[in-house]
Amino acid sequence: MQNFSVYILKSFKDHRRYIGFTSNLEKRLQQHALGLVKSTQARGPFTLVHLEKFSTKVGAMKREKFFKTGKGREWMQVNLGA
């Protein structure tokens, strides 16, 4: 069974968040750290501020999409202070 992760990174440089999902968290975090992800390459370094695991890709994608909505941003502000 494959696990999927939804993660939230916060940039030390500009304090902005990046929300993503992956089936290989270690590899994806390394890609962010090395500047190999186009949308974050100029914004690192990052810290992982939130992580959720899912057993299905669909579940992870839905949660990632939620975090990118107004309600999701509100949830992050209340629960993460991010």
PDB file of N, CA and C in Angstrom:
ATOM      1  N   MET A   1       0.839  -1.181   0.000  1.00  0.00           N
ATOM      2  CA  MET A   1       0.000   0.000   0.000  1.00  0.00           C
ATOM      3  C   MET A   1       0.886   1.247   0.000  1.00  0.00           C
ATOM      4  N   GLN A   2       0.579   2.173  -0.874  1.00  0.00           N
ATOM      5  CA  GLN A   2       1.365   3.387  -0.998  1.00  0.00           C
ATOM      6  C   GLN A   2       0.775   4.475  -0.111  1.00  0.00           C
ATOM      7  N   ASN A   3       1.646   5.218   0.557  1.00  0.00           N
ATOM      8  CA  ASN A   3       1.215   6.343   1.368  1.00  0.00           C
ATOM      9  C   ASN A   3       1.432   7.632   0.600  1.00  0.00           C
ATOM     10  N   PHE A   4       0.534   8.568   0.786  1.00  0.00           N
ATOM     11  CA  PHE A   4       0.643   9.880   0.178  1.00  0.00           C
ATOM     12  C   PHE A   4       0.687  10.912   1.287  1.00  0.00           C
ATOM     13  N   SER A   5       1.475  11.937   1.091  1.00  0.00           N
ATOM     14  CA  SER A   5       1.638  12.977   2.103  1.00  0.00           C
ATOM     15  C   SER A   5       1.239  14.326   1.536  1.00  0.00           C
ATOM     16  N   VAL A   6       0.533  15.090   2.348  1.00  0.00           N
ATOM     17  CA  VAL A   6       0.277  16.501   2.069  1.00  0.00           C
ATOM     18  C   VAL A   6       1.153  17.261   3.053  1.00  0.00           C
ATOM     19  N   TYR A   7       1.904  18.219   2.534  1.00  0.00           N
ATOM     20  CA  TYR A   7       2.849  18.925   3.394  1.00  0.00           C
ATOM     21  C   TYR A   7       2.751  20.426   3.165  1.00  0.00           C
ATOM     22  N   ILE A   8       3.120  21.163   4.194  1.00  0.00           N
ATOM     23  CA  ILE A   8       3.162  22.616   4.110  1.00  0.00           C
ATOM     24  C   ILE A   8       4.560  23.046   4.532  1.00  0.00           C
ATOM     25  N   LEU A   9       5.210  23.760   3.640  1.00  0.00           N
ATOM     26  CA  LEU A   9       6.531  24.313   3.913  1.00  0.00           C
ATOM     27  C   LEU A   9       6.392  25.810   4.145  1.00  0.00           C
ATOM     28  N   LYS A  10       7.271  26.351   4.955  1.00  0.00           N
ATOM     29  CA  LYS A  10       7.318  27.796   5.139  1.00  0.00           C
ATOM     30  C   LYS A  10       8.730  28.263   4.817  1.00  0.00           C
ATOM     31  N   SER A  11       8.816  29.298   4.001  1.00  0.00           N
ATOM     32  CA  SER A  11      10.096  29.833   3.571  1.00  0.00           C
ATOM     33  C   SER A  11      10.716  30.709   4.657  1.00  0.00           C
ATOM     34  N   PHE A  12      11.990  30.472   4.958  1.00  0.00           N
ATOM     35  CA  PHE A  12      12.712  31.360   5.866  1.00  0.00           C
ATOM     36  C   PHE A  12      12.968  32.705   5.190  1.00  0.00           C
ATOM     37  N   LYS A  13      13.051  32.689   3.873  1.00  0.00           N
ATOM     38  CA  LYS A  13      13.414  33.882   3.115  1.00  0.00           C
ATOM     39  C   LYS A  13      12.280  34.903   3.048  1.00  0.00           C
ATOM     40  N   ASP A  14      11.081  34.464   2.652  1.00  0.00           N
ATOM     41  CA  ASP A  14       9.976  35.416   2.502  1.00  0.00           C
ATOM     42  C   ASP A  14       8.754  35.073   3.359  1.00  0.00           C
ATOM     43  N   HIS A  15       8.879  34.035   4.189  1.00  0.00           N
ATOM     44  CA  HIS A  15       7.824  33.619   5.133  1.00  0.00           C
ATOM     45  C   HIS A  15       6.532  33.160   4.453  1.00  0.00           C
ATOM     46  N   ARG A  16       6.594  32.881   3.178  1.00  0.00           N
ATOM     47  CA  ARG A  16       5.419  32.378   2.462  1.00  0.00           C
ATOM     48  C   ARG A  16       5.343  30.866   2.600  1.00  0.00           C
ATOM     49  N   ARG A  17       4.126  30.353   2.357  1.00  0.00           N
ATOM     50  CA  ARG A  17       3.890  28.910   2.455  1.00  0.00           C
ATOM     51  C   ARG A  17       3.899  28.270   1.067  1.00  0.00           C
ATOM     52  N   TYR A  18       4.261  26.998   1.060  1.00  0.00           N
ATOM     53  CA  TYR A  18       4.126  26.170  -0.132  1.00  0.00           C
ATOM     54  C   TYR A  18       3.393  24.912   0.298  1.00  0.00           C
ATOM     55  N   ILE A  19       2.335  24.571  -0.421  1.00  0.00           N
ATOM     56  CA  ILE A  19       1.518  23.396  -0.113  1.00  0.00           C
ATOM     57  C   ILE A  19       1.686  22.405  -1.253  1.00  0.00           C
ATOM     58  N   GLY A  20       1.949  21.160  -0.910  1.00  0.00           N
ATOM     59  CA  GLY A  20       2.106  20.146  -1.937  1.00  0.00           C
ATOM     60  C   GLY A  20       1.731  18.767  -1.436  1.00  0.00           C
ATOM     61  N   PHE A  21       1.710  17.818  -2.372  1.00  0.00           N
ATOM     62  CA  PHE A  21       1.502  16.421  -1.984  1.00  0.00           C
ATOM     63  C   PHE A  21       2.452  15.550  -2.775  1.00  0.00           C
ATOM     64  N   THR A  22       2.763  14.398  -2.207  1.00  0.00           N
ATOM     65  CA  THR A  22       3.735  13.509  -2.822  1.00  0.00           C
ATOM     66  C   THR A  22       3.555  12.090  -2.305  1.00  0.00           C
ATOM     67  N   SER A  23       4.094  11.149  -3.046  1.00  0.00           N
ATOM     68  CA  SER A  23       4.123   9.762  -2.576  1.00  0.00           C
ATOM     69  C   SER A  23       5.505   9.411  -2.016  1.00  0.00           C
ATOM     70  N   ASN A  24       6.456  10.337  -2.133  1.00  0.00           N
ATOM     71  CA  ASN A  24       7.808  10.113  -1.616  1.00  0.00           C
ATOM     72  C   ASN A  24       8.273  11.398  -0.928  1.00  0.00           C
ATOM     73  N   LEU A  25       7.938  11.532   0.331  1.00  0.00           N
ATOM     74  CA  LEU A  25       8.184  12.780   1.056  1.00  0.00           C
ATOM     75  C   LEU A  25       9.667  13.124   1.138  1.00  0.00           C
ATOM     76  N   GLU A  26      10.505  12.171   1.497  1.00  0.00           N
ATOM     77  CA  GLU A  26      11.939  12.457   1.623  1.00  0.00           C
ATOM     78  C   GLU A  26      12.518  13.002   0.323  1.00  0.00           C
ATOM     79  N   LYS A  27      12.187  12.358  -0.780  1.00  0.00           N
ATOM     80  CA  LYS A  27      12.693  12.795  -2.083  1.00  0.00           C
ATOM     81  C   LYS A  27      12.181  14.188  -2.425  1.00  0.00           C
ATOM     82  N   ARG A  28      10.907  14.433  -2.170  1.00  0.00           N
ATOM     83  CA  ARG A  28      10.321  15.730  -2.516  1.00  0.00           C
ATOM     84  C   ARG A  28      10.923  16.852  -1.672  1.00  0.00           C
ATOM     85  N   LEU A  29      11.120  16.613  -0.388  1.00  0.00           N
ATOM     86  CA  LEU A  29      11.727  17.635   0.465  1.00  0.00           C
ATOM     87  C   LEU A  29      13.157  17.924   0.028  1.00  0.00           C
ATOM     88  N   GLN A  30      13.870  16.885  -0.397  1.00  0.00           N
ATOM     89  CA  GLN A  30      15.229  17.081  -0.899  1.00  0.00           C
ATOM     90  C   GLN A  30      15.210  17.925  -2.178  1.00  0.00           C
ATOM     91  N   GLN A  31      14.243  17.677  -3.055  1.00  0.00           N
ATOM     92  CA  GLN A  31      14.119  18.476  -4.272  1.00  0.00           C
ATOM     93  C   GLN A  31      13.900  19.949  -3.934  1.00  0.00           C
ATOM     94  N   HIS A  32      13.041  20.219  -2.956  1.00  0.00           N
ATOM     95  CA  HIS A  32      12.826  21.606  -2.528  1.00  0.00           C
ATOM     96  C   HIS A  32      14.126  22.197  -1.981  1.00  0.00           C
ATOM     97  N   ALA A  33      14.817  21.454  -1.141  1.00  0.00           N
ATOM     98  CA  ALA A  33      16.043  21.947  -0.506  1.00  0.00           C
ATOM     99  C   ALA A  33      17.138  22.248  -1.525  1.00  0.00           C
ATOM    100  N   LEU A  34      17.190  21.471  -2.587  1.00  0.00           N
ATOM    101  CA  LEU A  34      18.227  21.653  -3.613  1.00  0.00           C
ATOM    102  C   LEU A  34      17.838  22.659  -4.688  1.00  0.00           C
ATOM    103  N   GLY A  35      16.638  23.241  -4.585  1.00  0.00           N
ATOM    104  CA  GLY A  35      16.194  24.222  -5.571  1.00  0.00           C
ATOM    105  C   GLY A  35      15.763  23.611  -6.886  1.00  0.00           C
ATOM    106  N   LEU A  36      15.313  22.357  -6.869  1.00  0.00           N
ATOM    107  CA  LEU A  36      14.922  21.665  -8.096  1.00  0.00           C
ATOM    108  C   LEU A  36      13.440  21.800  -8.423  1.00  0.00           C
ATOM    109  N   VAL A  37      12.684  22.475  -7.560  1.00  0.00           N
ATOM    110  CA  VAL A  37      11.251  22.680  -7.786  1.00  0.00           C
ATOM    111  C   VAL A  37      11.072  24.123  -8.237  1.00  0.00           C
ATOM    112  N   LYS A  38      10.605  24.309  -9.460  1.00  0.00           N
ATOM    113  CA  LYS A  38      10.555  25.635 -10.068  1.00  0.00           C
ATOM    114  C   LYS A  38       9.822  26.664  -9.209  1.00  0.00           C
ATOM    115  N   SER A  39       8.685  26.267  -8.632  1.00  0.00           N
ATOM    116  CA  SER A  39       7.878  27.237  -7.883  1.00  0.00           C
ATOM    117  C   SER A  39       8.494  27.639  -6.546  1.00  0.00           C
ATOM    118  N   THR A  40       9.496  26.912  -6.075  1.00  0.00           N
ATOM    119  CA  THR A  40      10.111  27.258  -4.789  1.00  0.00           C
ATOM    120  C   THR A  40      11.615  27.492  -4.879  1.00  0.00           C
ATOM    121  N   GLN A  41      12.194  27.383  -6.052  1.00  0.00           N
ATOM    122  CA  GLN A  41      13.652  27.389  -6.141  1.00  0.00           C
ATOM    123  C   GLN A  41      14.297  28.679  -5.644  1.00  0.00           C
ATOM    124  N   ALA A  42      13.621  29.806  -5.736  1.00  0.00           N
ATOM    125  CA  ALA A  42      14.216  31.069  -5.294  1.00  0.00           C
ATOM    126  C   ALA A  42      13.774  31.463  -3.892  1.00  0.00           C
ATOM    127  N   ARG A  43      13.021  30.585  -3.225  1.00  0.00           N
ATOM    128  CA  ARG A  43      12.432  30.964  -1.938  1.00  0.00           C
ATOM    129  C   ARG A  43      12.986  30.210  -0.744  1.00  0.00           C
ATOM    130  N   GLY A  44      13.886  29.270  -0.944  1.00  0.00           N
ATOM    131  CA  GLY A  44      14.407  28.469   0.162  1.00  0.00           C
ATOM    132  C   GLY A  44      15.410  29.239   0.987  1.00  0.00           C
ATOM    133  N   PRO A  45      15.793  28.709   2.116  1.00  0.00           N
ATOM    134  CA  PRO A  45      15.453  27.404   2.679  1.00  0.00           C
ATOM    135  C   PRO A  45      14.056  27.383   3.305  1.00  0.00           C
ATOM    136  N   PHE A  46      13.596  26.164   3.579  1.00  0.00           N
ATOM    137  CA  PHE A  46      12.248  25.950   4.097  1.00  0.00           C
ATOM    138  C   PHE A  46      12.275  25.162   5.390  1.00  0.00           C
ATOM    139  N   THR A  47      11.166  25.274   6.107  1.00  0.00           N
ATOM    140  CA  THR A  47      10.923  24.403   7.240  1.00  0.00           C
ATOM    141  C   THR A  47       9.573  23.726   7.027  1.00  0.00           C
ATOM    142  N   LEU A  48       9.484  22.477   7.403  1.00  0.00           N
ATOM    143  CA  LEU A  48       8.234  21.728   7.300  1.00  0.00           C
ATOM    144  C   LEU A  48       7.376  22.111   8.499  1.00  0.00           C
ATOM    145  N   VAL A  49       6.206  22.727   8.239  1.00  0.00           N
ATOM    146  CA  VAL A  49       5.355  23.184   9.342  1.00  0.00           C
ATOM    147  C   VAL A  49       4.137  22.303   9.563  1.00  0.00           C
ATOM    148  N   HIS A  50       3.795  21.457   8.583  1.00  0.00           N
ATOM    149  CA  HIS A  50       2.629  20.585   8.750  1.00  0.00           C
ATOM    150  C   HIS A  50       2.742  19.406   7.792  1.00  0.00           C
ATOM    151  N   LEU A  51       2.280  18.246   8.267  1.00  0.00           N
ATOM    152  CA  LEU A  51       2.316  17.027   7.463  1.00  0.00           C
ATOM    153  C   LEU A  51       1.107  16.175   7.794  1.00  0.00           C
ATOM    154  N   GLU A  52       0.432  15.690   6.755  1.00  0.00           N
ATOM    155  CA  GLU A  52      -0.678  14.751   6.916  1.00  0.00           C
ATOM    156  C   GLU A  52      -0.456  13.596   5.960  1.00  0.00           C
ATOM    157  N   LYS A  53      -0.757  12.383   6.408  1.00  0.00           N
ATOM    158  CA  LYS A  53      -0.579  11.177   5.584  1.00  0.00           C
ATOM    159  C   LYS A  53      -1.939  10.617   5.186  1.00  0.00           C
ATOM    160  N   PHE A  54      -1.995  10.078   3.965  1.00  0.00           N
ATOM    161  CA  PHE A  54      -3.221   9.513   3.409  1.00  0.00           C
ATOM    162  C   PHE A  54      -2.910   8.179   2.749  1.00  0.00           C
ATOM    163  N   SER A  55      -3.900   7.305   2.744  1.00  0.00           N
ATOM    164  CA  SER A  55      -3.717   6.001   2.105  1.00  0.00           C
ATOM    165  C   SER A  55      -4.077   6.045   0.622  1.00  0.00           C
ATOM    166  N   THR A  56      -4.757   7.124   0.191  1.00  0.00           N
ATOM    167  CA  THR A  56      -5.135   7.235  -1.221  1.00  0.00           C
ATOM    168  C   THR A  56      -4.652   8.554  -1.814  1.00  0.00           C
ATOM    169  N   LYS A  57      -4.355   8.515  -3.091  1.00  0.00           N
ATOM    170  CA  LYS A  57      -3.947   9.719  -3.811  1.00  0.00           C
ATOM    171  C   LYS A  57      -5.090  10.724  -3.848  1.00  0.00           C
ATOM    172  N   VAL A  58      -6.307  10.237  -4.042  1.00  0.00           N
ATOM    173  CA  VAL A  58      -7.477  11.125  -4.111  1.00  0.00           C
ATOM    174  C   VAL A  58      -7.649  11.884  -2.801  1.00  0.00           C
ATOM    175  N   GLY A  59      -7.508  11.191  -1.678  1.00  0.00           N
ATOM    176  CA  GLY A  59      -7.626  11.844  -0.378  1.00  0.00           C
ATOM    177  C   GLY A  59      -6.589  12.938  -0.191  1.00  0.00           C
ATOM    178  N   ALA A  60      -5.364  12.660  -0.591  1.00  0.00           N
ATOM    179  CA  ALA A  60      -4.286  13.643  -0.472  1.00  0.00           C
ATOM    180  C   ALA A  60      -4.533  14.838  -1.382  1.00  0.00           C
ATOM    181  N   MET A  61      -4.980  14.583  -2.593  1.00  0.00           N
ATOM    182  CA  MET A  61      -5.240  15.673  -3.534  1.00  0.00           C
ATOM    183  C   MET A  61      -6.367  16.575  -3.038  1.00  0.00           C
ATOM    184  N   LYS A  62      -7.396  15.982  -2.457  1.00  0.00           N
ATOM    185  CA  LYS A  62      -8.510  16.776  -1.915  1.00  0.00           C
ATOM    186  C   LYS A  62      -8.037  17.664  -0.769  1.00  0.00           C
ATOM    187  N   ARG A  63      -7.192  17.106   0.104  1.00  0.00           N
ATOM    188  CA  ARG A  63      -6.699  17.888   1.236  1.00  0.00           C
ATOM    189  C   ARG A  63      -5.783  19.005   0.761  1.00  0.00           C
ATOM    190  N   GLU A  64      -4.931  18.734  -0.223  1.00  0.00           N
ATOM    191  CA  GLU A  64      -4.068  19.776  -0.777  1.00  0.00           C
ATOM    192  C   GLU A  64      -4.926  20.896  -1.359  1.00  0.00           C
ATOM    193  N   LYS A  65      -5.948  20.531  -2.100  1.00  0.00           N
ATOM    194  CA  LYS A  65      -6.836  21.530  -2.698  1.00  0.00           C
ATOM    195  C   LYS A  65      -7.524  22.362  -1.615  1.00  0.00           C
ATOM    196  N   PHE A  66      -7.952  21.704  -0.523  1.00  0.00           N
ATOM    197  CA  PHE A  66      -8.581  22.427   0.583  1.00  0.00           C
ATOM    198  C   PHE A  66      -7.647  23.499   1.135  1.00  0.00           C
ATOM    199  N   PHE A  67      -6.380  23.149   1.359  1.00  0.00           N
ATOM    200  CA  PHE A  67      -5.436  24.104   1.929  1.00  0.00           C
ATOM    201  C   PHE A  67      -5.233  25.320   1.031  1.00  0.00           C
ATOM    202  N   LYS A  68      -5.530  25.193  -0.246  1.00  0.00           N
ATOM    203  CA  LYS A  68      -5.348  26.297  -1.182  1.00  0.00           C
ATOM    204  C   LYS A  68      -6.605  27.152  -1.339  1.00  0.00           C
ATOM    205  N   THR A  69      -7.633  26.876  -0.529  1.00  0.00           N
ATOM    206  CA  THR A  69      -8.870  27.670  -0.540  1.00  0.00           C
ATOM    207  C   THR A  69      -8.843  28.674   0.608  1.00  0.00           C
ATOM    208  N   GLY A  70      -9.813  29.565   0.603  1.00  0.00           N
ATOM    209  CA  GLY A  70      -9.937  30.525   1.696  1.00  0.00           C
ATOM    210  C   GLY A  70     -10.115  29.847   3.041  1.00  0.00           C
ATOM    211  N   LYS A  71     -10.954  28.822   3.092  1.00  0.00           N
ATOM    212  CA  LYS A  71     -11.167  28.077   4.345  1.00  0.00           C
ATOM    213  C   LYS A  71      -9.884  27.375   4.778  1.00  0.00           C
ATOM    214  N   GLY A  72      -9.146  26.861   3.814  1.00  0.00           N
ATOM    215  CA  GLY A  72      -7.890  26.194   4.131  1.00  0.00           C
ATOM    216  C   GLY A  72      -6.857  27.169   4.677  1.00  0.00           C
ATOM    217  N   ARG A  73      -6.766  28.355   4.082  1.00  0.00           N
ATOM    218  CA  ARG A  73      -5.845  29.378   4.589  1.00  0.00           C
ATOM    219  C   ARG A  73      -6.252  29.806   5.996  1.00  0.00           C
ATOM    220  N   GLU A  74      -7.565  29.904   6.219  1.00  0.00           N
ATOM    221  CA  GLU A  74      -8.066  30.235   7.555  1.00  0.00           C
ATOM    222  C   GLU A  74      -7.667  29.138   8.555  1.00  0.00           C
ATOM    223  N   TRP A  75      -7.823  27.876   8.153  1.00  0.00           N
ATOM    224  CA  TRP A  75      -7.430  26.755   9.013  1.00  0.00           C
ATOM    225  C   TRP A  75      -5.949  26.847   9.373  1.00  0.00           C
ATOM    226  N   MET A  76      -5.116  27.154   8.374  1.00  0.00           N
ATOM    227  CA  MET A  76      -3.679  27.256   8.625  1.00  0.00           C
ATOM    228  C   MET A  76      -3.363  28.393   9.593  1.00  0.00           C
ATOM    229  N   GLN A  77      -4.039  29.514   9.427  1.00  0.00           N
ATOM    230  CA  GLN A  77      -3.796  30.653  10.313  1.00  0.00           C
ATOM    231  C   GLN A  77      -4.136  30.302  11.757  1.00  0.00           C
ATOM    232  N   VAL A  78      -5.280  29.653  11.962  1.00  0.00           N
ATOM    233  CA  VAL A  78      -5.729  29.287  13.309  1.00  0.00           C
ATOM    234  C   VAL A  78      -4.860  28.183  13.908  1.00  0.00           C
ATOM    235  N   ASN A  79      -4.569  27.158  13.131  1.00  0.00           N
ATOM    236  CA  ASN A  79      -3.899  25.969  13.660  1.00  0.00           C
ATOM    237  C   ASN A  79      -2.377  25.986  13.577  1.00  0.00           C
ATOM    238  N   LEU A  80      -1.851  26.741  12.646  1.00  0.00           N
ATOM    239  CA  LEU A  80      -0.403  26.756  12.465  1.00  0.00           C
ATOM    240  C   LEU A  80       0.210  28.119  12.746  1.00  0.00           C
ATOM    241  N   GLY A  81      -0.626  29.138  12.767  1.00  0.00           N
ATOM    242  CA  GLY A  81      -0.103  30.483  12.903  1.00  0.00           C
ATOM    243  C   GLY A  81       0.763  30.858  11.716  1.00  0.00           C
ATOM    244  N   ALA A  82       0.561  30.135  10.636  1.00  0.00           N
ATOM    245  CA  ALA A  82       1.402  30.322   9.443  1.00  0.00           C
ATOM    246  C   ALA A  82       0.748  31.251   8.456  1.00  0.00           C
TER     247      ALA A  82
END
